[in-house]
C-alpha cells in the first residue's frame, strides 16, 4: 500500500473482556457452529471435541483493560509515524511477540505443532486445522484513516 501513500498498521489484541468474549456467548456461538456442521464432520470430530473446545476458550483469563485497545487505535490513527504492528495486552506481547522475528513458514509449523500436540484442540487427522488470526488493520493516507 506504500506506493499509494497508505500506511498500514496491524492491531493484534490479546484477550479482553467484551461481549464477544463473554463465556455464555462463546458457548452459544460454538454450539451454533457445531449444529451447522454436517453429520459426517460431527462424527469425525466427536462431541467430546466440542466440549473440550468450549472449556479451552472459556478458561482463558481476560483483561478488563479495554482502554489499551482504544489507545493503540488512537495512536495508529493520529501518530505522525505509527508502528507497523501493535500487540495490545500482556498476553499478546508475551505469547505472540516472538512470531514477528521468525519467517511465516516457521510460525505456521510451530503453531500447527502446538495444536497437534494439545489433545484438547487437536482435530482429527483427516481434517487440516484452520488458520485463524484475530487482528484488525489501520490504514492511513495523508488525509484519511481507515479501520479495517
Protein backbone atom coordinates (compact mmCIF):
# COMPACT_ATOMS: atom_id res chain seq x y z
CA UNK A 1 0.00 0.00 0.00
CA UNK A 2 3.04 2.24 0.42
CA UNK A 3 3.24 3.15 -3.31
CA UNK A 4 -0.20 4.74 -2.96
CA UNK A 5 0.72 6.72 0.16
CA UNK A 6 -1.14 4.41 2.53
CA UNK A 7 0.44 3.42 5.83
CA UNK A 8 -0.94 0.16 7.24
CA UNK A 9 -0.74 -0.74 10.93
CA UNK A 10 -1.87 -4.14 12.17
CA UNK A 11 -3.67 -4.32 15.53
CA UNK A 12 -3.36 -7.65 17.31
CA UNK A 13 -5.16 -7.51 20.63
CA UNK A 14 -4.89 -10.23 23.23
CA UNK A 15 -7.84 -11.41 25.29
CA UNK A 16 -10.07 -8.64 26.61
CA UNK A 17 -13.37 -8.80 28.48
CA UNK A 18 -16.02 -7.79 25.96
CA UNK A 19 -19.45 -9.03 24.93
CA UNK A 20 -17.74 -11.12 22.24
CA UNK A 21 -15.55 -12.94 24.78
CA UNK A 22 -18.24 -13.43 27.42
CA UNK A 23 -18.28 -17.20 28.24
CA UNK A 24 -22.02 -17.69 27.59
CA UNK A 25 -21.68 -16.01 24.19
CA UNK A 26 -18.67 -18.18 23.31
CA UNK A 27 -20.56 -21.35 24.27
CA UNK A 28 -23.60 -20.27 22.26
CA UNK A 29 -21.54 -19.47 19.13
CA UNK A 30 -19.53 -22.69 19.38
CA UNK A 31 -22.67 -24.79 19.80
CA UNK A 32 -24.30 -22.97 16.88
CA UNK A 33 -21.23 -23.66 14.73
CA UNK A 34 -21.38 -27.31 15.82
CA UNK A 35 -25.05 -27.54 14.92
CA UNK A 36 -24.27 -26.16 11.45
CA UNK A 37 -21.72 -28.91 10.73
CA UNK A 38 -22.61 -31.88 8.58
CA UNK A 39 -23.28 -35.15 10.38
CA UNK A 40 -20.10 -36.55 8.80
CA UNK A 41 -17.94 -33.83 10.39
CA UNK A 42 -19.71 -34.16 13.74
CA UNK A 43 -18.97 -37.87 13.70
CA UNK A 44 -15.34 -37.25 12.65
CA UNK A 45 -14.69 -34.76 15.47
CA UNK A 46 -16.91 -36.28 18.13
CA UNK A 47 -18.99 -34.43 20.73
CA UNK A 48 -16.06 -34.50 23.16
CA UNK A 49 -14.11 -32.20 20.82
CA UNK A 50 -16.80 -29.52 21.14
CA UNK A 51 -16.84 -29.74 24.93
CA UNK A 52 -13.03 -29.55 25.15
CA UNK A 53 -13.03 -26.56 22.83
CA UNK A 54 -15.63 -24.74 24.90
CA UNK A 55 -13.65 -25.43 28.06
CA UNK A 56 -10.43 -24.20 26.42
CA UNK A 57 -11.90 -20.95 25.08
CA UNK A 58 -13.82 -20.07 28.24
CA UNK A 59 -10.93 -20.83 30.60
CA UNK A 60 -8.53 -18.23 29.16
CA UNK A 61 -8.08 -15.26 31.55
CA UNK A 62 -9.19 -11.98 30.01
CA UNK A 63 -8.09 -8.42 30.73
CA UNK A 64 -10.60 -5.74 31.73
CA UNK A 65 -8.27 -3.00 30.43
CA UNK A 66 -10.05 -2.46 27.11
CA UNK A 67 -8.75 1.11 27.05
CA UNK A 68 -5.42 -0.34 25.88
CA UNK A 69 -7.01 -1.32 22.56
CA UNK A 70 -8.59 2.11 22.19
CA UNK A 71 -5.26 3.80 22.99
CA UNK A 72 -3.46 1.71 20.38
CA UNK A 73 -6.04 2.52 17.70
CA UNK A 74 -5.91 6.24 18.54
CA UNK A 75 -2.11 6.14 18.38
CA UNK A 76 -2.18 4.42 15.00
CA UNK A 77 -4.70 6.92 13.62
CA UNK A 78 -3.12 10.10 14.98
CA UNK A 79 0.62 9.44 15.20
CA UNK A 80 2.96 11.06 12.69
CA UNK A 81 4.82 7.76 12.48
CA UNK A 82 2.59 4.89 13.67
CA UNK A 83 4.06 1.46 14.29
CA UNK A 84 3.69 -1.29 11.72
CA UNK A 85 2.23 -3.65 14.31
CA UNK A 86 0.54 -3.12 17.66
CA UNK A 87 0.49 -6.04 20.09
CA UNK A 88 -2.11 -4.96 22.64
CA UNK A 89 -2.26 -6.51 26.08
CA UNK A 90 0.19 -8.51 28.15
CA UNK A 91 -0.84 -11.85 26.70
CA UNK A 92 -0.40 -10.68 23.12
CA UNK A 93 3.08 -9.35 23.84
CA UNK A 94 4.06 -12.38 25.91
CA UNK A 95 2.72 -15.12 23.67
CA UNK A 96 2.99 -13.66 20.19
CA UNK A 97 5.90 -11.20 20.09
CA UNK A 98 8.32 -13.98 19.06
CA UNK A 99 6.27 -14.60 15.91
CA UNK A 100 7.47 -11.41 14.28
CA UNK A 101 11.11 -12.42 14.40
CA UNK A 102 10.55 -15.67 12.53
CA UNK A 103 9.53 -16.40 8.92
CA UNK A 104 5.82 -17.15 8.46
CA UNK A 105 6.53 -20.76 7.43
CA UNK A 106 8.33 -21.37 10.75
CA UNK A 107 5.49 -19.76 12.75
CA UNK A 108 2.94 -21.89 10.89
CA UNK A 109 4.95 -25.03 11.66
CA UNK A 110 5.23 -24.17 15.36
CA UNK A 111 1.55 -23.24 15.73
CA UNK A 112 0.42 -26.36 13.85
CA UNK A 113 2.69 -28.50 16.03
CA UNK A 114 1.26 -26.94 19.20
CA UNK A 115 -2.28 -27.62 18.00
CA UNK A 116 -1.43 -31.20 17.12
CA UNK A 117 0.28 -31.71 20.50
CA UNK A 118 -2.66 -30.43 22.57
CA UNK A 119 -5.33 -33.16 22.73
CA UNK A 120 -7.97 -30.62 23.81
CA UNK A 121 -7.88 -28.83 20.45
CA UNK A 122 -6.28 -31.38 18.12
CA UNK A 123 -8.59 -32.05 15.17
CA UNK A 124 -8.95 -35.49 13.60
CA UNK A 125 -6.00 -36.44 11.39
CA UNK A 126 -8.06 -36.25 8.21
CA UNK A 127 -9.05 -32.65 8.76
CA UNK A 128 -6.46 -29.90 8.43
CA UNK A 129 -6.58 -27.34 11.28
CA UNK A 130 -7.86 -23.95 10.13
CA UNK A 131 -5.60 -20.91 10.14
CA UNK A 132 -7.26 -18.10 12.01
CA UNK A 133 -5.58 -14.92 13.16
CA UNK A 134 -7.52 -12.36 15.16
CA UNK A 135 -6.43 -8.89 14.17
CA UNK A 136 -7.59 -5.74 12.52
CA UNK A 137 -5.75 -3.19 10.42
CA UNK A 138 -5.46 0.59 10.44
CA UNK A 139 -4.71 2.07 7.02
CA UNK A 140 -3.76 5.73 6.61
CA UNK A 141 -3.33 8.06 3.68
CA UNK A 142 -2.03 11.60 4.08
CA UNK A 143 -5.59 12.85 4.59
CA UNK A 144 -7.66 9.86 5.79
CA UNK A 145 -7.51 6.98 8.27
CA UNK A 146 -9.40 3.70 7.99
CA UNK A 147 -10.06 0.91 10.46
CA UNK A 148 -10.36 -2.39 8.59
